């Protein structure tokens, strides 16, 4: 009876989803940092142009 592969696949899928979620969170944080840096750069450029 092939009962064991299905639960194993389900567990693997859960793990992958958790890993993906963590990666997405990391990317979101990185994106927020980049936007902060971009804002600072734009502010500096405005000061230079004035």
Protein backbone atom coordinates (compact mmCIF):
# COMPACT_ATOMS: atom_id res chain seq x y z
CA UNK A 1 0.00 0.00 0.00
CA UNK A 2 1.42 3.39 -0.99
CA UNK A 3 0.30 5.36 2.04
CA UNK A 4 3.69 6.67 3.19
CA UNK A 5 4.78 8.87 0.24
CA UNK A 6 1.77 11.21 0.45
CA UNK A 7 2.31 12.37 4.05
CA UNK A 8 6.04 12.72 3.39
CA UNK A 9 5.32 14.92 0.38
CA UNK A 10 2.87 16.92 2.47
CA UNK A 11 5.51 17.50 5.16
CA UNK A 12 8.08 18.48 2.53
CA UNK A 13 5.59 20.91 1.03
CA UNK A 14 4.93 22.46 4.45
CA UNK A 15 8.66 22.85 4.97
CA UNK A 16 9.11 24.44 1.56
CA UNK A 17 6.25 26.84 2.23
CA UNK A 18 7.80 27.84 5.56
CA UNK A 19 11.19 28.36 3.91
CA UNK A 20 9.61 30.40 1.12
CA UNK A 21 7.72 32.48 3.67
CA UNK A 22 10.96 33.21 5.52
CA UNK A 23 12.71 34.13 2.28
CA UNK A 24 9.85 36.45 1.35
CA UNK A 25 10.03 38.12 4.77
CA UNK A 26 13.79 38.64 4.32
CA UNK A 27 13.24 40.12 0.86
CA UNK A 28 10.54 42.46 2.17
CA UNK A 29 12.89 43.68 4.90
CA UNK A 30 15.67 44.17 2.36
CA UNK A 31 13.30 46.07 0.08
CA UNK A 32 12.28 48.37 2.94
CA UNK A 33 15.96 49.09 3.67
CA UNK A 34 16.61 49.87 0.01
CA UNK A 35 13.68 52.29 -0.10
CA UNK A 36 15.02 54.04 3.02
CA UNK A 37 18.44 54.38 1.38
CA UNK A 38 16.85 55.61 -1.84
CA UNK A 39 14.93 58.30 0.06
CA UNK A 40 18.13 59.46 1.75
CA UNK A 41 19.96 59.60 -1.58
CA UNK A 42 17.12 61.59 -3.16
CA UNK A 43 17.14 64.04 -0.23
CA UNK A 44 20.91 64.47 -0.58
CA UNK A 45 20.49 65.12 -4.31
CA UNK A 46 17.89 67.82 -3.61
CA UNK A 47 20.28 69.51 -1.17
CA UNK A 48 23.09 69.40 -3.73
CA UNK A 49 20.89 70.89 -6.47
CA UNK A 50 19.68 73.79 -4.29
